[in-house]
Amino acid sequence: MRALQQPHTADLDLATVLHALGDPVRLELVRLMAEHGEVSCAPDGLDVPRSTLSNHWRALREAGLTVTRMEGKARFIALRRDDLDRRFPGLLAAVLPDPPLAG
């Protein structure tokens, strides 16, 4: 199976990343990954057709926001948090909800 292309950390472009985050479905996918870590390519709770979801995942990967791990026919996607924080400090903190306060 061919490897999925994604930009190197140094090649991440702010305008491309922001464009990818500008879609509500893609932003929700980023929030799911931030909360749960690696997620399947068809996470529960999203009412989005599979073909549309596939396009959203591609946009996130090509923008450099995600890394995809393939296991057989399944794909698991994770947020490239360290790379994004290194390249654009504070960006994810600005677009992700605050973590719950310890009580």
C-alpha atoms as a PDB file:
ATOM      1  CA  MET A   1       0.000   0.000   0.000  1.00  0.00           C
ATOM      2  CA  ARG A   2       1.335   3.435  -0.875  1.00  0.00           C
ATOM      3  CA  ALA A   3       2.351   5.882   1.823  1.00  0.00           C
ATOM      4  CA  LEU A   4       0.141   8.908   2.297  1.00  0.00           C
ATOM      5  CA  GLN A   5       1.907  12.184   1.596  1.00  0.00           C
ATOM      6  CA  GLN A   6       2.072  14.923   4.165  1.00  0.00           C
ATOM      7  CA  PRO A   7       4.301  17.980   4.456  1.00  0.00           C
ATOM      8  CA  HIS A   8       7.416  18.030   6.631  1.00  0.00           C
ATOM      9  CA  THR A   9       7.208  20.202   9.729  1.00  0.00           C
ATOM     10  CA  ALA A  10       9.355  22.942   8.169  1.00  0.00           C
ATOM     11  CA  ASP A  11       7.047  23.038   5.139  1.00  0.00           C
ATOM     12  CA  LEU A  12       3.827  23.654   7.085  1.00  0.00           C
ATOM     13  CA  ASP A  13       2.155  26.802   5.767  1.00  0.00           C
ATOM     14  CA  LEU A  14       0.036  28.913   8.121  1.00  0.00           C
ATOM     15  CA  ALA A  15      -2.492  29.945   5.451  1.00  0.00           C
ATOM     16  CA  THR A  16      -3.005  26.303   4.411  1.00  0.00           C
ATOM     17  CA  VAL A  17      -3.398  25.162   8.018  1.00  0.00           C
ATOM     18  CA  LEU A  18      -5.881  27.947   8.775  1.00  0.00           C
ATOM     19  CA  HIS A  19      -7.844  27.164   5.619  1.00  0.00           C
ATOM     20  CA  ALA A  20      -8.111  23.515   6.695  1.00  0.00           C
ATOM     21  CA  LEU A  21      -9.254  24.584  10.171  1.00  0.00           C
ATOM     22  CA  GLY A  22     -11.820  26.971   8.681  1.00  0.00           C
ATOM     23  CA  ASP A  23     -14.287  24.194   7.885  1.00  0.00           C
ATOM     24  CA  PRO A  24     -16.593  23.271  10.823  1.00  0.00           C
ATOM     25  CA  VAL A  25     -16.389  19.511  10.148  1.00  0.00           C
ATOM     26  CA  ARG A  26     -12.595  19.561   9.944  1.00  0.00           C
ATOM     27  CA  LEU A  27     -12.377  21.654  13.105  1.00  0.00           C
ATOM     28  CA  GLU A  28     -14.583  19.096  14.868  1.00  0.00           C
ATOM     29  CA  LEU A  29     -12.287  16.288  13.661  1.00  0.00           C
ATOM     30  CA  VAL A  30      -9.289  18.175  15.085  1.00  0.00           C
ATOM     31  CA  ARG A  31     -11.136  18.589  18.387  1.00  0.00           C
ATOM     32  CA  LEU A  32     -11.918  14.853  18.472  1.00  0.00           C
ATOM     33  CA  MET A  33      -8.249  13.992  17.928  1.00  0.00           C
ATOM     34  CA  ALA A  34      -7.152  16.490  20.570  1.00  0.00           C
ATOM     35  CA  GLU A  35      -9.551  14.916  23.058  1.00  0.00           C
ATOM     36  CA  HIS A  36      -9.180  11.217  22.191  1.00  0.00           C
ATOM     37  CA  GLY A  37      -5.763  10.957  20.538  1.00  0.00           C
ATOM     38  CA  GLU A  38      -5.775   8.662  17.538  1.00  0.00           C
ATOM     39  CA  VAL A  39      -9.235   8.141  15.994  1.00  0.00           C
ATOM     40  CA  SER A  40     -10.587   5.860  13.296  1.00  0.00           C
ATOM     41  CA  CYS A  41     -11.323   7.262   9.864  1.00  0.00           C
ATOM     42  CA  ALA A  42     -15.055   7.022  10.679  1.00  0.00           C
ATOM     43  CA  PRO A  43     -15.417   8.332  14.247  1.00  0.00           C
ATOM     44  CA  ASP A  44     -18.716   7.915  16.067  1.00  0.00           C
ATOM     45  CA  GLY A  45     -21.005  10.899  16.430  1.00  0.00           C
ATOM     46  CA  LEU A  46     -20.416  12.569  13.058  1.00  0.00           C
ATOM     47  CA  ASP A  47     -23.318  12.700  10.647  1.00  0.00           C
ATOM     48  CA  VAL A  48     -21.179  13.112   7.528  1.00  0.00           C
ATOM     49  CA  PRO A  49     -21.229  10.870   4.434  1.00  0.00           C
ATOM     50  CA  ARG A  50     -18.160   8.629   4.213  1.00  0.00           C
ATOM     51  CA  SER A  51     -17.015  10.164   0.905  1.00  0.00           C
ATOM     52  CA  THR A  52     -17.244  13.673   2.337  1.00  0.00           C
ATOM     53  CA  LEU A  53     -15.430  12.591   5.477  1.00  0.00           C
ATOM     54  CA  SER A  54     -12.661  11.129   3.326  1.00  0.00           C
ATOM     55  CA  ASN A  55     -12.190  14.510   1.639  1.00  0.00           C
ATOM     56  CA  HIS A  56     -12.020  16.257   5.022  1.00  0.00           C
ATOM     57  CA  TRP A  57      -9.333  13.817   6.232  1.00  0.00           C
ATOM     58  CA  ARG A  58      -7.350  14.374   3.022  1.00  0.00           C
ATOM     59  CA  ALA A  59      -7.506  18.165   3.473  1.00  0.00           C
ATOM     60  CA  LEU A  60      -6.279  17.879   7.071  1.00  0.00           C
ATOM     61  CA  ARG A  61      -3.453  15.508   6.103  1.00  0.00           C
ATOM     62  CA  GLU A  62      -2.315  17.589   3.120  1.00  0.00           C
ATOM     63  CA  ALA A  63      -2.328  20.733   5.275  1.00  0.00           C
ATOM     64  CA  GLY A  64      -0.029  18.934   7.725  1.00  0.00           C
ATOM     65  CA  LEU A  65      -2.454  18.734  10.635  1.00  0.00           C
ATOM     66  CA  THR A  66      -2.647  14.940  10.847  1.00  0.00           C
ATOM     67  CA  VAL A  67      -0.670  11.763  10.440  1.00  0.00           C
ATOM     68  CA  THR A  68      -2.375   8.585   9.224  1.00  0.00           C
ATOM     69  CA  ARG A  69      -1.473   5.078  10.342  1.00  0.00           C
ATOM     70  CA  MET A  70      -2.752   2.209   8.231  1.00  0.00           C
ATOM     71  CA  GLU A  71      -3.500  -1.154   9.765  1.00  0.00           C
ATOM     72  CA  GLY A  72      -4.832  -3.552   7.163  1.00  0.00           C
ATOM     73  CA  LYS A  73      -7.768  -1.776   5.560  1.00  0.00           C
ATOM     74  CA  ALA A  74      -8.330   0.457   8.586  1.00  0.00           C
ATOM     75  CA  ARG A  75      -6.885   3.938   8.919  1.00  0.00           C
ATOM     76  CA  PHE A  76      -6.201   5.682  12.179  1.00  0.00           C
ATOM     77  CA  ILE A  77      -5.569   9.400  12.263  1.00  0.00           C
ATOM     78  CA  ALA A  78      -3.785  11.479  14.900  1.00  0.00           C
ATOM     79  CA  LEU A  79      -3.125  15.175  15.319  1.00  0.00           C
ATOM     80  CA  ARG A  80       0.464  16.295  14.671  1.00  0.00           C
ATOM     81  CA  ARG A  81       0.336  18.353  17.861  1.00  0.00           C
ATOM     82  CA  ASP A  82       4.102  18.507  18.498  1.00  0.00           C
ATOM     83  CA  ASP A  83       4.880  19.518  14.903  1.00  0.00           C
ATOM     84  CA  LEU A  84       2.138  22.159  14.883  1.00  0.00           C
ATOM     85  CA  ASP A  85       3.175  23.552  18.272  1.00  0.00           C
ATOM     86  CA  ARG A  86       6.793  23.721  17.105  1.00  0.00           C
ATOM     87  CA  ARG A  87       5.917  25.477  13.844  1.00  0.00           C
ATOM     88  CA  PHE A  88       3.013  27.671  15.074  1.00  0.00           C
ATOM     89  CA  PRO A  89       3.226  28.051  18.883  1.00  0.00           C
ATOM     90  CA  GLY A  90      -0.179  28.666  20.436  1.00  0.00           C
ATOM     91  CA  LEU A  91      -2.238  27.935  17.313  1.00  0.00           C
ATOM     92  CA  LEU A  92      -3.893  24.770  18.594  1.00  0.00           C
ATOM     93  CA  ALA A  93      -4.529  26.356  21.985  1.00  0.00           C
ATOM     94  CA  ALA A  94      -6.347  29.165  20.182  1.00  0.00           C
ATOM     95  CA  VAL A  95      -8.682  26.884  18.194  1.00  0.00           C
ATOM     96  CA  LEU A  96      -9.264  24.042  20.667  1.00  0.00           C
ATOM     97  CA  PRO A  97     -11.576  24.254  23.650  1.00  0.00           C
ATOM     98  CA  ASP A  98      -9.997  24.694  27.057  1.00  0.00           C
ATOM     99  CA  PRO A  99      -9.377  21.428  28.895  1.00  0.00           C
ATOM    100  CA  PRO A 100     -11.771  20.789  31.788  1.00  0.00           C
ATOM    101  CA  LEU A 101     -10.614  22.118  35.141  1.00  0.00           C
ATOM    102  CA  ALA A 102      -9.533  19.531  37.700  1.00  0.00           C
ATOM    103  CA  GLY A 103     -12.042  19.456  40.468  1.00  0.00           C
END
